[in-house]
Amino acid sequence: MSPATAIPAALGAALLLALSPGARADLVVKQRVEGAGMSGEQTVRVKDKKARCDVAGSVSVIVDRETGETTTLSHAQRGFITLDAARSQALIEKMQAARGSAELPKLIATGKKEKIGEHACEIFTADLGKVKLTYWLAKDYPNFAAINAQLDILESAPGSVVGGGLAPRTRDLPGLPMQIQMEMSGQKVTVTLLSATEETVDPAIFNLPKDYKELPSTPPPP
């Protein structure tokens, strides 16, 4: 899974369905991903402490919060790579060290507003050094704090700039992200909410396909 794919997948998962306070309903969210040579849809499914993000039919990421494991499925190769909790943490620490700062990037209000779909959004930015993020946040979206809190599952995935402490935590955002744009090396990737529904998620989607084989991976350096 390339960084260009992993980042919008992890960030785009922020666009979740409104929940009743304290409820743990299954969630199905669809987003459109555009830019940097990508154009397609991704679907996020959340059930209990597990989440799966299917990116444009080519790559799927499954995160199990209970075990700390993250599995990336490559459908073209019919294979998978699984990182356990220890290797995931090592990768996150490597990302933090590469950034050279333990301070979390700050979310900056631009004072600008724009409507995304039917929702009025305030625009915020975050400077990650080589990466610039722009958020369109709907502050009046019902139960947005409960929605954003659900992101902890996907944000624990290796390669997530959010879970790695390299971007603002979505659970701390002052509104629901209706759109997120990442700009890096002159290229932009935009993730926009298409639909969000509360529906039953089949737990079988979190199982590894029986005909997929484990792919070789390079462990992070000690």
C-alpha atoms as a PDB file:
ATOM      1  CA  MET A   1       0.000   0.000   0.000  1.00  0.00           C
ATOM      2  CA  SER A   2       1.608   3.259  -1.085  1.00  0.00           C
ATOM      3  CA  PRO A   3       1.813   6.319   1.229  1.00  0.00           C
ATOM      4  CA  ALA A   4      -0.417   8.201  -1.201  1.00  0.00           C
ATOM      5  CA  THR A   5      -3.089   5.543  -0.720  1.00  0.00           C
ATOM      6  CA  ALA A   6      -2.590   4.912   2.995  1.00  0.00           C
ATOM      7  CA  ILE A   7      -2.886   8.540   4.032  1.00  0.00           C
ATOM      8  CA  PRO A   8      -6.229   9.377   2.424  1.00  0.00           C
ATOM      9  CA  ALA A   9      -7.603   5.994   3.462  1.00  0.00           C
ATOM     10  CA  ALA A  10      -6.708   6.586   7.098  1.00  0.00           C
ATOM     11  CA  LEU A  11      -7.874  10.239   7.049  1.00  0.00           C
ATOM     12  CA  GLY A  12     -10.922   9.639   4.885  1.00  0.00           C
ATOM     13  CA  ALA A  13     -12.255   7.196   7.433  1.00  0.00           C
ATOM     14  CA  ALA A  14     -13.079  10.222   9.562  1.00  0.00           C
ATOM     15  CA  LEU A  15     -16.306  10.687   7.644  1.00  0.00           C
ATOM     16  CA  LEU A  16     -18.584   8.490   9.727  1.00  0.00           C
ATOM     17  CA  LEU A  17     -22.282   8.227  10.424  1.00  0.00           C
ATOM     18  CA  ALA A  18     -23.851  10.083  13.382  1.00  0.00           C
ATOM     19  CA  LEU A  19     -24.464   7.841  16.370  1.00  0.00           C
ATOM     20  CA  SER A  20     -26.703   8.003  19.376  1.00  0.00           C
ATOM     21  CA  PRO A  21     -24.564   8.929  22.399  1.00  0.00           C
ATOM     22  CA  GLY A  22     -22.820   5.828  23.701  1.00  0.00           C
ATOM     23  CA  ALA A  23     -24.129   3.608  20.918  1.00  0.00           C
ATOM     24  CA  ARG A  24     -21.840   1.185  19.102  1.00  0.00           C
ATOM     25  CA  ALA A  25     -23.813   0.624  15.928  1.00  0.00           C
ATOM     26  CA  ASP A  26     -22.225  -0.870  12.840  1.00  0.00           C
ATOM     27  CA  LEU A  27     -21.206   1.791  10.337  1.00  0.00           C
ATOM     28  CA  VAL A  28     -20.821   1.809   6.555  1.00  0.00           C
ATOM     29  CA  VAL A  29     -19.303   4.920   5.019  1.00  0.00           C
ATOM     30  CA  LYS A  30     -18.479   5.670   1.385  1.00  0.00           C
ATOM     31  CA  GLN A  31     -16.094   8.374   0.206  1.00  0.00           C
ATOM     32  CA  ARG A  32     -14.724   9.631  -3.074  1.00  0.00           C
ATOM     33  CA  VAL A  33     -10.924   9.847  -3.406  1.00  0.00           C
ATOM     34  CA  GLU A  34      -9.488  12.075  -6.146  1.00  0.00           C
ATOM     35  CA  GLY A  35      -6.024  13.293  -7.086  1.00  0.00           C
ATOM     36  CA  ALA A  36      -2.392  12.135  -7.407  1.00  0.00           C
ATOM     37  CA  GLY A  37      -3.355   9.674 -10.115  1.00  0.00           C
ATOM     38  CA  MET A  38      -6.185   8.215  -8.056  1.00  0.00           C
ATOM     39  CA  SER A  39      -9.883   8.396  -8.752  1.00  0.00           C
ATOM     40  CA  GLY A  40     -12.401   6.116  -7.145  1.00  0.00           C
ATOM     41  CA  GLU A  41     -14.402   5.254  -4.098  1.00  0.00           C
ATOM     42  CA  GLN A  42     -13.436   3.763  -0.780  1.00  0.00           C
ATOM     43  CA  THR A  43     -15.697   2.116   1.767  1.00  0.00           C
ATOM     44  CA  VAL A  44     -15.172   1.962   5.511  1.00  0.00           C
ATOM     45  CA  ARG A  45     -16.978  -0.617   7.630  1.00  0.00           C
ATOM     46  CA  VAL A  46     -16.817  -0.553  11.426  1.00  0.00           C
ATOM     47  CA  LYS A  47     -18.077  -3.227  13.807  1.00  0.00           C
ATOM     48  CA  ASP A  48     -17.245  -3.275  17.520  1.00  0.00           C
ATOM     49  CA  LYS A  49     -13.443  -2.938  17.747  1.00  0.00           C
ATOM     50  CA  LYS A  50     -12.699  -3.827  14.154  1.00  0.00           C
ATOM     51  CA  ALA A  51     -12.633  -1.727  10.998  1.00  0.00           C
ATOM     52  CA  ARG A  52     -12.041  -2.421   7.335  1.00  0.00           C
ATOM     53  CA  CYS A  53     -11.262   0.131   4.647  1.00  0.00           C
ATOM     54  CA  ASP A  54     -11.555  -0.969   0.997  1.00  0.00           C
ATOM     55  CA  VAL A  55      -9.714   1.413  -1.325  1.00  0.00           C
ATOM     56  CA  ALA A  56     -10.849   1.530  -4.966  1.00  0.00           C
ATOM     57  CA  GLY A  57     -11.135  -2.266  -5.153  1.00  0.00           C
ATOM     58  CA  SER A  58      -7.368  -2.753  -5.071  1.00  0.00           C
ATOM     59  CA  VAL A  59      -6.304  -2.651  -1.430  1.00  0.00           C
ATOM     60  CA  SER A  60      -8.078  -3.367   1.852  1.00  0.00           C
ATOM     61  CA  VAL A  61      -6.861  -2.550   5.358  1.00  0.00           C
ATOM     62  CA  ILE A  62      -8.256  -4.441   8.344  1.00  0.00           C
ATOM     63  CA  VAL A  63      -7.561  -3.137  11.847  1.00  0.00           C
ATOM     64  CA  ASP A  64      -8.275  -5.112  15.022  1.00  0.00           C
ATOM     65  CA  ARG A  65      -8.095  -2.802  18.033  1.00  0.00           C
ATOM     66  CA  GLU A  66      -8.240  -5.698  20.511  1.00  0.00           C
ATOM     67  CA  THR A  67      -5.199  -7.559  19.173  1.00  0.00           C
ATOM     68  CA  GLY A  68      -3.379  -4.500  17.820  1.00  0.00           C
ATOM     69  CA  GLU A  69      -2.934  -6.227  14.457  1.00  0.00           C
ATOM     70  CA  THR A  70      -3.261  -4.474  11.111  1.00  0.00           C
ATOM     71  CA  THR A  71      -3.589  -6.507   7.913  1.00  0.00           C
ATOM     72  CA  THR A  72      -3.221  -5.095   4.407  1.00  0.00           C
ATOM     73  CA  LEU A  73      -4.766  -7.145   1.601  1.00  0.00           C
ATOM     74  CA  SER A  74      -3.405  -6.791  -1.939  1.00  0.00           C
ATOM     75  CA  HIS A  75      -6.160  -8.096  -4.175  1.00  0.00           C
ATOM     76  CA  ALA A  76      -4.033  -8.029  -7.334  1.00  0.00           C
ATOM     77  CA  GLN A  77      -1.426 -10.236  -5.642  1.00  0.00           C
ATOM     78  CA  ARG A  78      -4.042 -12.238  -3.749  1.00  0.00           C
ATOM     79  CA  GLY A  79      -1.889 -11.850  -0.672  1.00  0.00           C
ATOM     80  CA  PHE A  80      -1.672 -10.093   2.677  1.00  0.00           C
ATOM     81  CA  ILE A  81       0.789  -8.565   5.139  1.00  0.00           C
ATOM     82  CA  THR A  82       0.003  -8.512   8.863  1.00  0.00           C
ATOM     83  CA  LEU A  83       1.760  -6.307  11.399  1.00  0.00           C
ATOM     84  CA  ASP A  84       1.345  -7.202  15.056  1.00  0.00           C
ATOM     85  CA  ALA A  85       1.097  -4.631  17.846  1.00  0.00           C
ATOM     86  CA  ALA A  86       4.866  -4.523  18.497  1.00  0.00           C
ATOM     87  CA  ARG A  87       5.804  -3.961  14.847  1.00  0.00           C
ATOM     88  CA  SER A  88       3.009  -1.433  14.459  1.00  0.00           C
ATOM     89  CA  GLN A  89       4.342   0.558  17.404  1.00  0.00           C
ATOM     90  CA  ALA A  90       7.882   0.368  16.028  1.00  0.00           C
ATOM     91  CA  LEU A  91       6.692   1.796  12.718  1.00  0.00           C
ATOM     92  CA  ILE A  92       4.825   4.622  14.440  1.00  0.00           C
ATOM     93  CA  GLU A  93       7.910   5.480  16.512  1.00  0.00           C
ATOM     94  CA  LYS A  94      10.003   5.554  13.333  1.00  0.00           C
ATOM     95  CA  MET A  95       7.542   7.981  11.748  1.00  0.00           C
ATOM     96  CA  GLN A  96       7.628  10.204  14.813  1.00  0.00           C
ATOM     97  CA  ALA A  97      11.436  10.209  14.848  1.00  0.00           C
ATOM     98  CA  ALA A  98      11.550  11.116  11.153  1.00  0.00           C
ATOM     99  CA  ARG A  99       9.348  14.125  11.829  1.00  0.00           C
ATOM    100  CA  GLY A 100      11.874  15.338  14.387  1.00  0.00           C
ATOM    101  CA  SER A 101       9.329  16.784  16.787  1.00  0.00           C
ATOM    102  CA  ALA A 102       7.136  15.340  19.502  1.00  0.00           C
ATOM    103  CA  GLU A 103       4.765  18.299  19.303  1.00  0.00           C
ATOM    104  CA  LEU A 104       1.438  17.546  17.640  1.00  0.00           C
ATOM    105  CA  PRO A 105       0.758  19.779  14.601  1.00  0.00           C
ATOM    106  CA  LYS A 106      -1.753  22.494  15.423  1.00  0.00           C
ATOM    107  CA  LEU A 107      -5.110  22.913  13.756  1.00  0.00           C
ATOM    108  CA  ILE A 108      -5.403  26.477  12.431  1.00  0.00           C
ATOM    109  CA  ALA A 109      -8.730  28.180  11.726  1.00  0.00           C
ATOM    110  CA  THR A 110      -8.652  30.063   8.408  1.00  0.00           C
ATOM    111  CA  GLY A 111     -11.826  32.042   9.112  1.00  0.00           C
ATOM    112  CA  LYS A 112     -13.238  30.805   5.803  1.00  0.00           C
ATOM    113  CA  LYS A 113     -16.466  28.885   5.348  1.00  0.00           C
ATOM    114  CA  GLU A 114     -17.773  26.711   2.537  1.00  0.00           C
ATOM    115  CA  LYS A 115     -20.718  24.407   2.032  1.00  0.00           C
ATOM    116  CA  ILE A 116     -19.996  20.727   1.374  1.00  0.00           C
ATOM    117  CA  GLY A 117     -23.184  19.023   0.270  1.00  0.00           C
ATOM    118  CA  GLU A 118     -25.891  20.220   2.626  1.00  0.00           C
ATOM    119  CA  HIS A 119     -23.530  21.103   5.458  1.00  0.00           C
ATOM    120  CA  ALA A 120     -21.951  24.475   6.219  1.00  0.00           C
ATOM    121  CA  CYS A 121     -18.291  23.881   7.044  1.00  0.00           C
ATOM    122  CA  GLU A 122     -15.511  25.923   8.590  1.00  0.00           C
ATOM    123  CA  ILE A 123     -12.106  25.474   6.960  1.00  0.00           C
ATOM    124  CA  PHE A 124      -9.048  24.556   9.026  1.00  0.00           C
ATOM    125  CA  THR A 125      -5.480  23.712   8.062  1.00  0.00           C
ATOM    126  CA  ALA A 126      -2.568  21.795   9.585  1.00  0.00           C
ATOM    127  CA  ASP A 127       1.082  22.029   8.535  1.00  0.00           C
ATOM    128  CA  LEU A 128       2.896  18.675   8.742  1.00  0.00           C
ATOM    129  CA  GLY A 129       6.083  19.907   7.116  1.00  0.00           C
ATOM    130  CA  LYS A 130       6.145  18.248   3.725  1.00  0.00           C
ATOM    131  CA  VAL A 131       2.404  17.622   3.913  1.00  0.00           C
ATOM    132  CA  LYS A 132      -0.334  20.244   4.173  1.00  0.00           C
ATOM    133  CA  LEU A 133      -3.815  19.252   5.322  1.00  0.00           C
ATOM    134  CA  THR A 134      -7.057  21.169   4.837  1.00  0.00           C
ATOM    135  CA  TYR A 135     -10.221  20.198   6.697  1.00  0.00           C
ATOM    136  CA  TRP A 136     -13.829  21.193   5.982  1.00  0.00           C
ATOM    137  CA  LEU A 137     -15.485  20.698   9.373  1.00  0.00           C
ATOM    138  CA  ALA A 138     -19.219  20.699  10.091  1.00  0.00           C
ATOM    139  CA  LYS A 139     -19.490  21.917  13.674  1.00  0.00           C
ATOM    140  CA  ASP A 140     -23.276  21.588  13.805  1.00  0.00           C
ATOM    141  CA  TYR A 141     -23.331  17.963  12.659  1.00  0.00           C
ATOM    142  CA  PRO A 142     -25.313  15.961  15.258  1.00  0.00           C
ATOM    143  CA  ASN A 143     -23.145  13.942  17.661  1.00  0.00           C
ATOM    144  CA  PHE A 144     -19.963  14.741  15.733  1.00  0.00           C
ATOM    145  CA  ALA A 145     -17.801  14.161  18.828  1.00  0.00           C
ATOM    146  CA  ALA A 146     -19.137  10.599  19.152  1.00  0.00           C
ATOM    147  CA  ILE A 147     -18.538  10.052  15.447  1.00  0.00           C
ATOM    148  CA  ASN A 148     -14.960  11.306  15.537  1.00  0.00           C
ATOM    149  CA  ALA A 149     -14.223   9.135  18.578  1.00  0.00           C
ATOM    150  CA  GLN A 150     -14.891   6.025  16.464  1.00  0.00           C
ATOM    151  CA  LEU A 151     -11.800   6.813  14.397  1.00  0.00           C
ATOM    152  CA  ASP A 152      -9.453   5.443  17.026  1.00  0.00           C
ATOM    153  CA  ILE A 153      -9.803   2.014  15.439  1.00  0.00           C
ATOM    154  CA  LEU A 154      -8.507   2.978  11.999  1.00  0.00           C
ATOM    155  CA  GLU A 155      -6.061   5.533  13.365  1.00  0.00           C
ATOM    156  CA  SER A 156      -4.116   2.747  15.060  1.00  0.00           C
ATOM    157  CA  ALA A 157      -3.143   1.398  11.632  1.00  0.00           C
ATOM    158  CA  PRO A 158       0.555   1.597  10.697  1.00  0.00           C
ATOM    159  CA  GLY A 159       1.096   4.254   8.048  1.00  0.00           C
ATOM    160  CA  SER A 160      -1.638   6.447   9.448  1.00  0.00           C
ATOM    161  CA  VAL A 161      -0.295   9.984   9.816  1.00  0.00           C
ATOM    162  CA  VAL A 162      -2.979  10.514  12.456  1.00  0.00           C
ATOM    163  CA  GLY A 163      -2.252   7.471  14.600  1.00  0.00           C
ATOM    164  CA  GLY A 164       1.461   8.129  14.271  1.00  0.00           C
ATOM    165  CA  GLY A 165       1.109  11.478  15.993  1.00  0.00           C
ATOM    166  CA  LEU A 166       1.967  13.318  12.774  1.00  0.00           C
ATOM    167  CA  ALA A 167      -1.443  14.935  12.263  1.00  0.00           C
ATOM    168  CA  PRO A 168      -4.227  16.199  14.558  1.00  0.00           C
ATOM    169  CA  ARG A 169      -6.294  13.391  16.054  1.00  0.00           C
ATOM    170  CA  THR A 170      -9.696  13.265  14.434  1.00  0.00           C
ATOM    171  CA  ARG A 171     -11.307  12.611  17.806  1.00  0.00           C
ATOM    172  CA  ASP A 172     -10.122  16.096  18.830  1.00  0.00           C
ATOM    173  CA  LEU A 173     -11.424  17.962  15.770  1.00  0.00           C
ATOM    174  CA  PRO A 174     -14.092  20.621  16.503  1.00  0.00           C
ATOM    175  CA  GLY A 175     -16.466  19.269  13.884  1.00  0.00           C
ATOM    176  CA  LEU A 176     -17.145  16.372  11.528  1.00  0.00           C
ATOM    177  CA  PRO A 177     -14.720  16.267   8.553  1.00  0.00           C
ATOM    178  CA  MET A 178     -16.947  16.446   5.486  1.00  0.00           C
ATOM    179  CA  GLN A 179     -13.906  16.814   3.248  1.00  0.00           C
ATOM    180  CA  ILE A 180     -10.147  16.469   3.748  1.00  0.00           C
ATOM    181  CA  GLN A 181      -7.455  17.537   1.306  1.00  0.00           C
ATOM    182  CA  MET A 182      -3.815  16.517   1.484  1.00  0.00           C
ATOM    183  CA  GLU A 183      -1.168  18.385  -0.494  1.00  0.00           C
ATOM    184  CA  MET A 184       2.311  16.892  -0.882  1.00  0.00           C
ATOM    185  CA  SER A 185       5.027  17.616  -3.450  1.00  0.00           C
ATOM    186  CA  GLY A 186       2.631  19.725  -5.484  1.00  0.00           C
ATOM    187  CA  GLN A 187      -0.005  16.990  -5.681  1.00  0.00           C
ATOM    188  CA  LYS A 188      -3.373  17.040  -3.981  1.00  0.00           C
ATOM    189  CA  VAL A 189      -5.555  14.181  -2.770  1.00  0.00           C
ATOM    190  CA  THR A 190      -9.124  14.992  -1.721  1.00  0.00           C
ATOM    191  CA  VAL A 191     -11.457  12.704   0.237  1.00  0.00           C
ATOM    192  CA  THR A 192     -15.137  13.666   0.237  1.00  0.00           C
ATOM    193  CA  LEU A 193     -18.090  12.067   1.998  1.00  0.00           C
ATOM    194  CA  LEU A 194     -20.555  10.373  -0.371  1.00  0.00           C
ATOM    195  CA  SER A 195     -22.849   8.520   1.995  1.00  0.00           C
ATOM    196  CA  ALA A 196     -23.035   7.192   5.522  1.00  0.00           C
ATOM    197  CA  THR A 197     -25.443   4.557   6.775  1.00  0.00           C
ATOM    198  CA  GLU A 198     -26.087   2.603   9.928  1.00  0.00           C
ATOM    199  CA  GLU A 199     -26.440  -1.012   8.898  1.00  0.00           C
ATOM    200  CA  THR A 200     -25.355  -4.459  10.002  1.00  0.00           C
ATOM    201  CA  VAL A 201     -21.783  -5.341   9.058  1.00  0.00           C
ATOM    202  CA  ASP A 202     -21.036  -9.020   8.453  1.00  0.00           C
ATOM    203  CA  PRO A 203     -18.185 -10.018  10.826  1.00  0.00           C
ATOM    204  CA  ALA A 204     -16.875 -12.377   8.117  1.00  0.00           C
ATOM    205  CA  ILE A 205     -15.409  -9.407   6.200  1.00  0.00           C
ATOM    206  CA  PHE A 206     -12.691  -9.159   8.856  1.00  0.00           C
ATOM    207  CA  ASN A 207     -11.460 -12.694   8.136  1.00  0.00           C
ATOM    208  CA  LEU A 208      -8.564 -13.360   5.774  1.00  0.00           C
ATOM    209  CA  PRO A 209      -9.574 -14.850   2.408  1.00  0.00           C
ATOM    210  CA  LYS A 210      -8.670 -18.542   2.433  1.00  0.00           C
ATOM    211  CA  ASP A 211      -6.916 -18.380  -0.946  1.00  0.00           C
ATOM    212  CA  TYR A 212      -4.687 -15.395  -0.031  1.00  0.00           C
ATOM    213  CA  LYS A 213      -1.055 -16.055   0.885  1.00  0.00           C
ATOM    214  CA  GLU A 214       1.169 -14.099   3.233  1.00  0.00           C
ATOM    215  CA  LEU A 215       3.491 -11.739   1.402  1.00  0.00           C
ATOM    216  CA  PRO A 216       7.078 -11.010   2.464  1.00  0.00           C
ATOM    217  CA  SER A 217       7.545  -7.793   4.407  1.00  0.00           C
ATOM    218  CA  THR A 218      10.543  -5.867   5.640  1.00  0.00           C
ATOM    219  CA  PRO A 219      10.416  -5.368   9.408  1.00  0.00           C
ATOM    220  CA  PRO A 220      11.139  -1.886  10.737  1.00  0.00           C
ATOM    221  CA  PRO A 221      14.726  -1.377  11.946  1.00  0.00           C
ATOM    222  CA  PRO A 222      15.423  -1.872  15.669  1.00  0.00           C
END
